[in-house]
Amino acid sequence: MIKNNLKCCKDQLRKKYKLIRSSIDNDYRQALNKKIFLSLINSSFFKSAGTIYAYASLPDEADTISVIEYALSCGKRVAVPYCIPKTPLMDFYYINSLNELKKGSFGVLEPDPNVCMKATDKDALILVPALAFDKNGYRMGYGKGYYDRYLSDYTGVKAGLCFSLCISNCILHNRFDKCVNYIITDKFTKFIAK
């Protein structure tokens, strides 16, 4: 019963934050993305990272495409996730260019695992997607659990990029949900002490 109630609450929150994100005007979204981008690339944890694990953002998410391009131009290694078909698992693969990505699972740009080299470094800086974050670093994911599984033994810095409109005081979570170390929004960067 409790599990069903938690799922129902999470589904309602997902709808709420999807609606908030989709209602952001394109010009305003670009301004928000610029602020998030500058906060991230000027952070000490980004500057010191030799490797960045970054997802290829969807149009209504905080932009990571410019982050990937910038990181590659700085000589950092960049890895992007690939969702393994018919499983709830994913792996990251190194890319040298955005041209190495193609539409894959859920319409998200992914690397080709037959061409790209698998990344196994679990202490790199990882950018974690979410519909929303709370002030304690917990995220409202998309409901498939890919990142929570991947992060279960991750030792590197975890950073969530998010529009400030999608920050909640508290997001319901269970023991499998993983939190991030930093939240970066258009208004603030917050370190989450754990």
N, C-alpha and C. Protein backbone atom coordinates (compact mmCIF):
# COMPACT_ATOMS: atom_id res chain seq x y z
N MET A 1 0.82 -1.20 0.00
CA MET A 1 0.00 0.00 0.00
C MET A 1 0.87 1.26 0.00
N ILE A 2 1.88 1.31 0.89
CA ILE A 2 2.76 2.47 0.97
C ILE A 2 3.53 2.65 -0.33
N LYS A 3 4.00 1.54 -0.91
CA LYS A 3 4.74 1.58 -2.16
C LYS A 3 3.88 2.17 -3.28
N ASN A 4 2.59 1.76 -3.34
CA ASN A 4 1.68 2.29 -4.35
C ASN A 4 1.41 3.77 -4.16
N ASN A 5 1.27 4.20 -2.89
CA ASN A 5 1.05 5.62 -2.59
C ASN A 5 2.27 6.45 -2.99
N LEU A 6 3.47 5.93 -2.73
CA LEU A 6 4.70 6.63 -3.10
C LEU A 6 4.78 6.78 -4.62
N LYS A 7 4.47 5.71 -5.34
CA LYS A 7 4.49 5.76 -6.80
C LYS A 7 3.48 6.77 -7.33
N CYS A 8 2.30 6.78 -6.77
CA CYS A 8 1.24 7.71 -7.18
C CYS A 8 1.68 9.16 -6.94
N CYS A 9 2.26 9.42 -5.77
CA CYS A 9 2.74 10.77 -5.44
C CYS A 9 3.85 11.19 -6.41
N LYS A 10 4.77 10.28 -6.69
CA LYS A 10 5.87 10.59 -7.60
C LYS A 10 5.35 10.86 -9.01
N ASP A 11 4.36 10.07 -9.46
CA ASP A 11 3.78 10.29 -10.78
C ASP A 11 3.13 11.66 -10.89
N GLN A 12 2.44 12.08 -9.83
CA GLN A 12 1.81 13.40 -9.82
C GLN A 12 2.87 14.51 -9.85
N LEU A 13 3.95 14.32 -9.09
CA LEU A 13 5.02 15.32 -9.09
C LEU A 13 5.72 15.37 -10.45
N ARG A 14 5.89 14.23 -11.09
CA ARG A 14 6.50 14.21 -12.43
C ARG A 14 5.66 15.04 -13.40
N LYS A 15 4.34 14.86 -13.36
CA LYS A 15 3.46 15.64 -14.23
C LYS A 15 3.60 17.13 -13.94
N LYS A 16 3.65 17.48 -12.66
CA LYS A 16 3.77 18.88 -12.26
C LYS A 16 5.05 19.51 -12.83
N TYR A 17 6.17 18.83 -12.65
CA TYR A 17 7.45 19.41 -13.08
C TYR A 17 7.63 19.36 -14.60
N LYS A 18 7.05 18.37 -15.25
CA LYS A 18 7.07 18.35 -16.72
C LYS A 18 6.31 19.56 -17.25
N LEU A 19 5.18 19.87 -16.63
CA LEU A 19 4.37 21.01 -17.04
C LEU A 19 5.12 22.32 -16.80
N ILE A 20 5.77 22.44 -15.66
CA ILE A 20 6.55 23.65 -15.35
C ILE A 20 7.65 23.83 -16.39
N ARG A 21 8.39 22.76 -16.67
CA ARG A 21 9.50 22.87 -17.63
C ARG A 21 9.01 23.20 -19.03
N SER A 22 7.92 22.57 -19.44
CA SER A 22 7.42 22.81 -20.80
C SER A 22 6.83 24.20 -20.97
N SER A 23 6.48 24.85 -19.86
CA SER A 23 5.86 26.17 -19.95
C SER A 23 6.89 27.31 -19.97
N ILE A 24 8.17 26.99 -19.84
CA ILE A 24 9.20 28.04 -19.85
C ILE A 24 9.40 28.53 -21.27
N ASP A 25 9.25 29.83 -21.44
CA ASP A 25 9.44 30.47 -22.74
C ASP A 25 10.87 30.22 -23.25
N ASN A 26 11.03 30.03 -24.55
CA ASN A 26 12.32 29.67 -25.13
C ASN A 26 13.42 30.70 -24.85
N ASP A 27 13.11 32.00 -24.98
CA ASP A 27 14.12 33.04 -24.71
C ASP A 27 14.53 33.02 -23.24
N TYR A 28 13.54 32.86 -22.37
CA TYR A 28 13.82 32.81 -20.93
C TYR A 28 14.64 31.55 -20.61
N ARG A 29 14.31 30.43 -21.25
CA ARG A 29 15.05 29.19 -21.05
C ARG A 29 16.52 29.37 -21.43
N GLN A 30 16.77 30.06 -22.55
CA GLN A 30 18.15 30.29 -22.98
C GLN A 30 18.92 31.13 -21.95
N ALA A 31 18.25 32.12 -21.37
CA ALA A 31 18.89 32.95 -20.34
C ALA A 31 19.20 32.11 -19.09
N LEU A 32 18.26 31.26 -18.70
CA LEU A 32 18.48 30.38 -17.54
C LEU A 32 19.63 29.42 -17.80
N ASN A 33 19.64 28.84 -19.01
CA ASN A 33 20.71 27.90 -19.38
C ASN A 33 22.08 28.55 -19.34
N LYS A 34 22.16 29.80 -19.77
CA LYS A 34 23.45 30.51 -19.76
C LYS A 34 23.97 30.67 -18.33
N LYS A 35 23.08 31.01 -17.41
CA LYS A 35 23.47 31.17 -16.00
C LYS A 35 23.95 29.84 -15.42
N ILE A 36 23.22 28.76 -15.71
CA ILE A 36 23.60 27.43 -15.20
C ILE A 36 24.95 27.02 -15.78
N PHE A 37 25.11 27.22 -17.08
CA PHE A 37 26.36 26.87 -17.76
C PHE A 37 27.55 27.60 -17.12
N LEU A 38 27.42 28.91 -16.93
CA LEU A 38 28.53 29.69 -16.37
C LEU A 38 28.84 29.27 -14.93
N SER A 39 27.80 29.00 -14.14
CA SER A 39 28.04 28.54 -12.77
C SER A 39 28.77 27.21 -12.75
N LEU A 40 28.39 26.30 -13.65
CA LEU A 40 29.03 24.99 -13.69
C LEU A 40 30.49 25.10 -14.12
N ILE A 41 30.75 25.76 -15.25
CA ILE A 41 32.13 25.76 -15.78
C ILE A 41 33.09 26.57 -14.91
N ASN A 42 32.54 27.46 -14.08
CA ASN A 42 33.39 28.23 -13.18
C ASN A 42 33.55 27.58 -11.80
N SER A 43 32.89 26.44 -11.60
CA SER A 43 32.99 25.77 -10.30
C SER A 43 34.33 25.06 -10.18
N SER A 44 34.82 24.93 -8.97
CA SER A 44 36.10 24.27 -8.73
C SER A 44 36.04 22.80 -9.12
N PHE A 45 34.89 22.15 -8.89
CA PHE A 45 34.79 20.72 -9.20
C PHE A 45 34.76 20.47 -10.71
N PHE A 46 34.24 21.40 -11.49
CA PHE A 46 34.29 21.23 -12.95
C PHE A 46 35.71 21.50 -13.44
N LYS A 47 36.32 22.59 -12.95
CA LYS A 47 37.67 22.94 -13.41
C LYS A 47 38.68 21.84 -13.12
N SER A 48 38.54 21.18 -11.97
CA SER A 48 39.51 20.15 -11.58
C SER A 48 39.23 18.77 -12.19
N ALA A 49 38.06 18.61 -12.79
CA ALA A 49 37.69 17.29 -13.34
C ALA A 49 38.38 17.04 -14.67
N GLY A 50 39.04 15.90 -14.77
CA GLY A 50 39.64 15.50 -16.04
C GLY A 50 38.64 14.80 -16.94
N THR A 51 37.62 14.20 -16.31
CA THR A 51 36.59 13.47 -17.03
C THR A 51 35.22 13.93 -16.57
N ILE A 52 34.34 14.13 -17.53
CA ILE A 52 32.96 14.54 -17.24
C ILE A 52 32.03 13.49 -17.82
N TYR A 53 31.15 12.96 -17.00
CA TYR A 53 30.07 12.09 -17.47
C TYR A 53 28.85 13.00 -17.62
N ALA A 54 28.37 13.17 -18.84
CA ALA A 54 27.27 14.10 -19.09
C ALA A 54 26.23 13.48 -20.00
N TYR A 55 24.99 13.62 -19.62
CA TYR A 55 23.89 13.18 -20.49
C TYR A 55 23.66 14.25 -21.56
N ALA A 56 23.11 13.84 -22.69
CA ALA A 56 22.73 14.78 -23.75
C ALA A 56 21.32 15.25 -23.44
N SER A 57 21.19 16.51 -23.08
CA SER A 57 19.90 17.03 -22.60
C SER A 57 18.83 17.05 -23.67
N LEU A 58 17.60 16.90 -23.21
CA LEU A 58 16.42 17.08 -24.05
C LEU A 58 16.12 18.58 -24.12
N PRO A 59 15.32 19.03 -25.09
CA PRO A 59 15.08 20.47 -25.26
C PRO A 59 14.52 21.19 -24.03
N ASP A 60 13.74 20.49 -23.19
CA ASP A 60 13.16 21.18 -22.03
C ASP A 60 14.00 21.02 -20.75
N GLU A 61 15.13 20.32 -20.84
CA GLU A 61 16.02 20.16 -19.68
C GLU A 61 17.06 21.28 -19.64
N ALA A 62 17.69 21.45 -18.48
CA ALA A 62 18.84 22.34 -18.40
C ALA A 62 19.88 21.84 -19.40
N ASP A 63 20.39 22.73 -20.22
CA ASP A 63 21.24 22.37 -21.35
C ASP A 63 22.57 21.76 -20.92
N THR A 64 22.88 20.60 -21.50
CA THR A 64 24.20 19.99 -21.30
C THR A 64 24.98 19.91 -22.61
N ILE A 65 24.33 20.17 -23.73
CA ILE A 65 25.01 20.09 -25.01
C ILE A 65 26.17 21.09 -25.05
N SER A 66 25.91 22.32 -24.58
CA SER A 66 26.98 23.33 -24.55
C SER A 66 28.07 22.94 -23.55
N VAL A 67 27.69 22.25 -22.48
CA VAL A 67 28.68 21.78 -21.49
C VAL A 67 29.59 20.73 -22.13
N ILE A 68 28.99 19.81 -22.88
CA ILE A 68 29.77 18.77 -23.56
C ILE A 68 30.75 19.41 -24.54
N GLU A 69 30.26 20.34 -25.35
CA GLU A 69 31.12 21.01 -26.33
C GLU A 69 32.26 21.75 -25.64
N TYR A 70 31.94 22.46 -24.56
CA TYR A 70 32.96 23.22 -23.83
C TYR A 70 33.99 22.29 -23.21
N ALA A 71 33.52 21.22 -22.56
CA ALA A 71 34.43 20.28 -21.92
C ALA A 71 35.38 19.66 -22.94
N LEU A 72 34.86 19.28 -24.10
CA LEU A 72 35.71 18.72 -25.15
C LEU A 72 36.73 19.74 -25.64
N SER A 73 36.30 21.01 -25.77
CA SER A 73 37.21 22.06 -26.23
C SER A 73 38.32 22.35 -25.22
N CYS A 74 38.07 22.03 -23.95
CA CYS A 74 39.07 22.22 -22.89
C CYS A 74 40.00 21.00 -22.76
N GLY A 75 39.76 19.98 -23.55
CA GLY A 75 40.60 18.79 -23.49
C GLY A 75 40.18 17.79 -22.43
N LYS A 76 38.99 17.97 -21.86
CA LYS A 76 38.50 16.99 -20.88
C LYS A 76 37.95 15.78 -21.61
N ARG A 77 38.01 14.64 -20.97
CA ARG A 77 37.36 13.44 -21.53
C ARG A 77 35.88 13.53 -21.20
N VAL A 78 35.05 13.20 -22.16
CA VAL A 78 33.60 13.27 -21.95
C VAL A 78 32.99 11.91 -22.28
N ALA A 79 32.14 11.43 -21.37
CA ALA A 79 31.42 10.18 -21.59
C ALA A 79 29.92 10.46 -21.48
N VAL A 80 29.16 9.75 -22.29
CA VAL A 80 27.72 9.94 -22.37
C VAL A 80 27.04 8.58 -22.18
N PRO A 81 25.87 8.55 -21.52
CA PRO A 81 25.25 7.26 -21.23
C PRO A 81 24.58 6.60 -22.43
N TYR A 82 24.60 5.28 -22.37
CA TYR A 82 23.91 4.42 -23.34
C TYR A 82 23.03 3.47 -22.54
N CYS A 83 21.72 3.51 -22.79
CA CYS A 83 20.79 2.61 -22.11
C CYS A 83 20.81 1.26 -22.81
N ILE A 84 21.13 0.23 -22.06
CA ILE A 84 21.25 -1.12 -22.63
C ILE A 84 19.84 -1.65 -22.93
N PRO A 85 19.57 -1.96 -24.20
CA PRO A 85 18.21 -2.40 -24.58
C PRO A 85 17.72 -3.59 -23.75
N LYS A 86 16.42 -3.53 -23.42
CA LYS A 86 15.72 -4.60 -22.71
C LYS A 86 16.26 -4.86 -21.32
N THR A 87 16.94 -3.86 -20.76
CA THR A 87 17.42 -3.94 -19.37
C THR A 87 17.17 -2.59 -18.70
N PRO A 88 17.24 -2.54 -17.37
CA PRO A 88 17.14 -1.26 -16.67
C PRO A 88 18.52 -0.67 -16.37
N LEU A 89 19.51 -1.02 -17.21
CA LEU A 89 20.90 -0.64 -16.95
C LEU A 89 21.44 0.29 -18.04
N MET A 90 22.48 1.01 -17.69
CA MET A 90 23.17 1.86 -18.66
C MET A 90 24.66 1.83 -18.38
N ASP A 91 25.43 2.17 -19.40
CA ASP A 91 26.87 2.34 -19.29
C ASP A 91 27.22 3.67 -19.95
N PHE A 92 28.38 4.20 -19.62
CA PHE A 92 28.86 5.43 -20.25
C PHE A 92 29.95 5.09 -21.26
N TYR A 93 29.98 5.87 -22.34
CA TYR A 93 30.97 5.68 -23.40
C TYR A 93 31.60 7.03 -23.74
N TYR A 94 32.92 7.01 -23.93
CA TYR A 94 33.64 8.23 -24.28
C TYR A 94 33.28 8.68 -25.69
N ILE A 95 33.16 9.99 -25.86
CA ILE A 95 32.95 10.56 -27.18
C ILE A 95 34.01 11.64 -27.43
N ASN A 96 34.29 11.90 -28.69
CA ASN A 96 35.21 12.97 -29.08
C ASN A 96 34.48 14.13 -29.72
N SER A 97 33.20 13.90 -30.02
CA SER A 97 32.41 14.91 -30.72
C SER A 97 30.93 14.59 -30.54
N LEU A 98 30.10 15.63 -30.64
CA LEU A 98 28.65 15.41 -30.60
C LEU A 98 28.17 14.61 -31.81
N ASN A 99 28.98 14.62 -32.87
CA ASN A 99 28.62 13.87 -34.08
C ASN A 99 28.61 12.36 -33.84
N GLU A 100 29.19 11.91 -32.75
CA GLU A 100 29.23 10.49 -32.42
C GLU A 100 27.97 10.03 -31.70
N LEU A 101 27.02 10.96 -31.50
CA LEU A 101 25.77 10.62 -30.82
C LEU A 101 24.64 10.47 -31.83
N LYS A 102 23.72 9.56 -31.52
CA LYS A 102 22.53 9.40 -32.36
C LYS A 102 21.34 9.11 -31.45
N LYS A 103 20.14 9.36 -31.94
CA LYS A 103 18.95 9.14 -31.14
C LYS A 103 18.84 7.68 -30.74
N GLY A 104 18.65 7.46 -29.45
CA GLY A 104 18.53 6.11 -28.93
C GLY A 104 17.31 5.98 -28.05
N SER A 105 17.49 5.36 -26.90
CA SER A 105 16.39 5.12 -25.96
C SER A 105 15.71 6.42 -25.57
N PHE A 106 14.39 6.40 -25.59
CA PHE A 106 13.57 7.52 -25.13
C PHE A 106 13.81 8.80 -25.94
N GLY A 107 14.36 8.68 -27.15
CA GLY A 107 14.61 9.84 -28.00
C GLY A 107 15.81 10.66 -27.58
N VAL A 108 16.62 10.12 -26.68
CA VAL A 108 17.80 10.83 -26.15
C VAL A 108 19.02 10.48 -27.01
N LEU A 109 19.89 11.45 -27.23
CA LEU A 109 21.12 11.19 -27.98
C LEU A 109 22.04 10.29 -27.15
N GLU A 110 22.54 9.23 -27.79
CA GLU A 110 23.40 8.26 -27.12
C GLU A 110 24.59 7.92 -28.01
N PRO A 111 25.69 7.47 -27.39
CA PRO A 111 26.83 7.00 -28.18
C PRO A 111 26.55 5.61 -28.74
N ASP A 112 27.29 5.24 -29.75
CA ASP A 112 27.20 3.89 -30.33
C ASP A 112 28.21 3.01 -29.60
N PRO A 113 27.74 2.02 -28.83
CA PRO A 113 28.67 1.18 -28.07
C PRO A 113 29.57 0.33 -28.94
N ASN A 114 29.23 0.20 -30.22
CA ASN A 114 30.07 -0.57 -31.14
C ASN A 114 31.24 0.26 -31.67
N VAL A 115 31.16 1.57 -31.48
CA VAL A 115 32.19 2.47 -32.01
C VAL A 115 32.97 3.14 -30.88
N CYS A 116 32.26 3.55 -29.84
CA CYS A 116 32.88 4.31 -28.74
C CYS A 116 33.43 3.37 -27.66
N MET A 117 34.43 3.87 -26.92
CA MET A 117 35.05 3.08 -25.86
C MET A 117 34.27 3.25 -24.55
N LYS A 118 34.03 2.14 -23.88
CA LYS A 118 33.31 2.15 -22.61
C LYS A 118 34.12 2.86 -21.53
N ALA A 119 33.44 3.71 -20.77
CA ALA A 119 34.07 4.43 -19.65
C ALA A 119 33.80 3.66 -18.36
N THR A 120 34.83 3.40 -17.61
CA THR A 120 34.65 2.61 -16.38
C THR A 120 35.06 3.37 -15.13
N ASP A 121 35.54 4.60 -15.29
CA ASP A 121 35.98 5.43 -14.18
C ASP A 121 34.76 5.87 -13.36
N LYS A 122 34.66 5.40 -12.13
CA LYS A 122 33.50 5.75 -11.31
C LYS A 122 33.81 6.85 -10.30
N ASP A 123 34.88 7.62 -10.56
CA ASP A 123 35.12 8.77 -9.68
C ASP A 123 35.28 10.07 -10.47
N ALA A 124 34.70 10.11 -11.66
CA ALA A 124 34.68 11.33 -12.47
C ALA A 124 33.53 12.23 -11.99
N LEU A 125 33.50 13.45 -12.48
CA LEU A 125 32.35 14.32 -12.25
C LEU A 125 31.20 13.82 -13.13
N ILE A 126 30.05 13.58 -12.52
CA ILE A 126 28.89 13.12 -13.29
C ILE A 126 27.76 14.13 -13.15
N LEU A 127 27.18 14.50 -14.29
CA LEU A 127 26.01 15.38 -14.31
C LEU A 127 24.78 14.48 -14.33
N VAL A 128 23.90 14.72 -13.38
CA VAL A 128 22.75 13.83 -13.16
C VAL A 128 21.46 14.53 -13.58
N PRO A 129 20.70 13.93 -14.51
CA PRO A 129 19.45 14.56 -14.94
C PRO A 129 18.32 14.36 -13.94
N ALA A 130 17.33 15.25 -13.99
CA ALA A 130 16.15 15.12 -13.13
C ALA A 130 15.06 16.06 -13.62
N LEU A 131 13.86 15.72 -13.28
CA LEU A 131 12.75 16.65 -13.50
C LEU A 131 12.78 17.74 -12.45
N ALA A 132 13.22 17.37 -11.25
CA ALA A 132 13.31 18.32 -10.13
C ALA A 132 14.30 17.79 -9.11
N PHE A 133 14.80 18.70 -8.28
CA PHE A 133 15.65 18.35 -7.14
C PHE A 133 15.05 19.00 -5.90
N ASP A 134 15.33 18.39 -4.75
CA ASP A 134 14.97 19.10 -3.52
C ASP A 134 16.24 19.68 -2.90
N LYS A 135 16.07 20.44 -1.83
CA LYS A 135 17.20 21.16 -1.24
C LYS A 135 18.18 20.25 -0.53
N ASN A 136 17.83 18.95 -0.42
CA ASN A 136 18.72 17.97 0.19
C ASN A 136 19.47 17.14 -0.85
N GLY A 137 19.30 17.50 -2.13
CA GLY A 137 20.02 16.82 -3.20
C GLY A 137 19.32 15.61 -3.78
N TYR A 138 18.13 15.29 -3.28
CA TYR A 138 17.38 14.17 -3.86
C TYR A 138 16.69 14.64 -5.13
N ARG A 139 16.53 13.70 -6.06
CA ARG A 139 15.99 14.05 -7.36
C ARG A 139 14.69 13.35 -7.66
N MET A 140 13.92 14.02 -8.49
CA MET A 140 12.74 13.40 -9.07
C MET A 140 13.16 12.99 -10.47
N GLY A 141 13.46 11.70 -10.64
CA GLY A 141 13.90 11.21 -11.94
C GLY A 141 12.71 10.95 -12.85
N TYR A 142 12.98 10.21 -13.91
CA TYR A 142 11.94 9.95 -14.90
C TYR A 142 11.20 8.64 -14.65
N GLY A 143 11.58 7.94 -13.57
CA GLY A 143 10.82 6.77 -13.16
C GLY A 143 11.36 5.43 -13.62
N LYS A 144 12.46 5.42 -14.35
CA LYS A 144 13.01 4.15 -14.85
C LYS A 144 14.12 3.61 -13.97
N GLY A 145 14.74 4.45 -13.15
CA GLY A 145 15.75 4.00 -12.20
C GLY A 145 17.15 3.82 -12.75
N TYR A 146 17.40 4.23 -14.00
CA TYR A 146 18.72 4.04 -14.60
C TYR A 146 19.82 4.69 -13.76
N TYR A 147 19.63 5.96 -13.40
CA TYR A 147 20.68 6.66 -12.67
C TYR A 147 20.83 6.17 -11.25
N ASP A 148 19.73 5.86 -10.58
CA ASP A 148 19.85 5.35 -9.21
C ASP A 148 20.65 4.06 -9.19
N ARG A 149 20.44 3.19 -10.17
CA ARG A 149 21.23 1.95 -10.23
C ARG A 149 22.70 2.26 -10.52
N TYR A 150 22.92 3.14 -11.49
CA TYR A 150 24.30 3.45 -11.87
C TYR A 150 25.06 4.12 -10.72
N LEU A 151 24.37 4.98 -9.99
CA LEU A 151 25.03 5.73 -8.91
C LEU A 151 25.18 4.93 -7.62
N SER A 152 24.66 3.72 -7.58
CA SER A 152 24.69 2.96 -6.33
C SER A 152 26.10 2.72 -5.80
N ASP A 153 27.09 2.65 -6.70
CA ASP A 153 28.48 2.46 -6.24
C ASP A 153 29.40 3.55 -6.81
N TYR A 154 28.81 4.69 -7.12
CA TYR A 154 29.58 5.78 -7.73
C TYR A 154 30.30 6.58 -6.64
N THR A 155 31.58 6.86 -6.85
CA THR A 155 32.36 7.55 -5.82
C THR A 155 32.74 8.98 -6.19
N GLY A 156 32.47 9.38 -7.42
CA GLY A 156 32.84 10.72 -7.88
C GLY A 156 31.83 11.78 -7.47
N VAL A 157 32.12 13.01 -7.86
CA VAL A 157 31.24 14.14 -7.56
C VAL A 157 30.01 14.05 -8.45
N LYS A 158 28.85 14.18 -7.83
CA LYS A 158 27.58 14.13 -8.54
C LYS A 158 26.95 15.52 -8.52
N ALA A 159 26.66 16.08 -9.70
CA ALA A 159 26.07 17.41 -9.77
C ALA A 159 24.78 17.37 -10.57
N GLY A 160 23.77 18.01 -10.04
CA GLY A 160 22.49 18.11 -10.72
C GLY A 160 22.30 19.50 -11.28
N LEU A 161 21.94 19.58 -12.56
CA LEU A 161 21.64 20.85 -13.20
C LEU A 161 20.13 20.97 -13.28
N CYS A 162 19.61 22.13 -12.86
CA CYS A 162 18.16 22.24 -12.75
C CYS A 162 17.74 23.71 -12.80
N PHE A 163 16.60 23.98 -13.41
CA PHE A 163 16.03 25.32 -13.34
C PHE A 163 15.53 25.56 -11.92
N SER A 164 15.70 26.77 -11.42
CA SER A 164 15.27 27.06 -10.04
C SER A 164 13.77 26.87 -9.86
N LEU A 165 13.00 26.97 -10.94
CA LEU A 165 11.56 26.73 -10.87
C LEU A 165 11.24 25.28 -10.49
N CYS A 166 12.22 24.40 -10.65
CA CYS A 166 12.01 22.97 -10.39
C CYS A 166 12.75 22.50 -9.14
N ILE A 167 12.95 23.42 -8.20
CA ILE A 167 13.53 23.05 -6.91
C ILE A 167 12.41 22.98 -5.89
N SER A 168 12.35 21.87 -5.18
CA SER A 168 11.31 21.63 -4.18
C SER A 168 11.94 21.62 -2.79
N ASN A 169 11.14 21.88 -1.79
CA ASN A 169 11.65 21.79 -0.41
C ASN A 169 11.97 20.35 -0.06
N CYS A 170 11.13 19.42 -0.51
CA CYS A 170 11.33 18.00 -0.19
C CYS A 170 10.71 17.14 -1.28
N ILE A 171 11.48 16.18 -1.75
CA ILE A 171 10.99 15.20 -2.72
C ILE A 171 10.97 13.84 -2.04
N LEU A 172 9.85 13.15 -2.14
CA LEU A 172 9.75 11.82 -1.56
C LEU A 172 10.81 10.91 -2.16
N HIS A 173 11.47 10.17 -1.31
CA HIS A 173 12.50 9.26 -1.80
C HIS A 173 12.52 7.99 -0.95
N ASN A 174 13.10 6.95 -1.52
CA ASN A 174 13.24 5.69 -0.77
C ASN A 174 14.73 5.36 -0.66
N ARG A 175 15.03 4.20 -0.12
CA ARG A 175 16.43 3.86 0.15
C ARG A 175 17.26 3.65 -1.11
N PHE A 176 16.61 3.46 -2.26
CA PHE A 176 17.35 3.26 -3.50
C PHE A 176 17.67 4.58 -4.21
N ASP A 177 16.98 5.64 -3.82
CA ASP A 177 17.19 6.94 -4.46
C ASP A 177 18.52 7.55 -4.01
N LYS A 178 19.29 8.02 -4.96
CA LYS A 178 20.60 8.60 -4.68
C LYS A 178 20.54 10.12 -4.80
N CYS A 179 21.24 10.80 -3.92
CA CYS A 179 21.26 12.25 -3.98
C CYS A 179 22.57 12.73 -4.60
N VAL A 180 22.57 14.00 -5.01
CA VAL A 180 23.75 14.60 -5.62
C VAL A 180 24.55 15.37 -4.56
N ASN A 181 25.80 15.71 -4.92
CA ASN A 181 26.65 16.51 -4.02
C ASN A 181 26.44 18.01 -4.22
N TYR A 182 26.06 18.38 -5.45
CA TYR A 182 25.84 19.79 -5.77
C TYR A 182 24.57 19.93 -6.61
N ILE A 183 23.85 21.01 -6.38
CA ILE A 183 22.76 21.40 -7.26
C ILE A 183 23.14 22.75 -7.84
N ILE A 184 23.07 22.86 -9.17
CA ILE A 184 23.37 24.12 -9.85
C ILE A 184 22.12 24.57 -10.57
N THR A 185 21.65 25.76 -10.21
CA THR A 185 20.47 26.35 -10.86
C THR A 185 20.86 27.71 -11.43
N ASP A 186 19.89 28.35 -12.03
CA ASP A 186 20.08 29.70 -12.56
C ASP A 186 20.20 30.74 -11.45
N LYS A 187 19.86 30.38 -10.20
CA LYS A 187 19.93 31.31 -9.08
C LYS A 187 20.98 31.00 -8.03
N PHE A 188 21.37 29.74 -7.93
CA PHE A 188 22.33 29.36 -6.88
C PHE A 188 23.03 28.06 -7.20
N THR A 189 24.17 27.85 -6.52
CA THR A 189 24.84 26.56 -6.48
C THR A 189 24.86 26.14 -5.03
N LYS A 190 24.40 24.93 -4.75
CA LYS A 190 24.33 24.46 -3.37
C LYS A 190 25.13 23.19 -3.21
N PHE A 191 26.01 23.19 -2.20
CA PHE A 191 26.75 21.99 -1.82
C PHE A 191 25.89 21.22 -0.82
N ILE A 192 25.75 19.93 -1.02
CA ILE A 192 24.97 19.08 -0.12
C ILE A 192 25.95 18.27 0.72
N ALA A 193 26.03 18.59 1.98
CA ALA A 193 26.94 17.88 2.89
C ALA A 193 26.32 16.54 3.28
N LYS A 194 27.05 15.44 3.07
CA LYS A 194 26.55 14.10 3.45
C LYS A 194 27.54 13.43 4.36
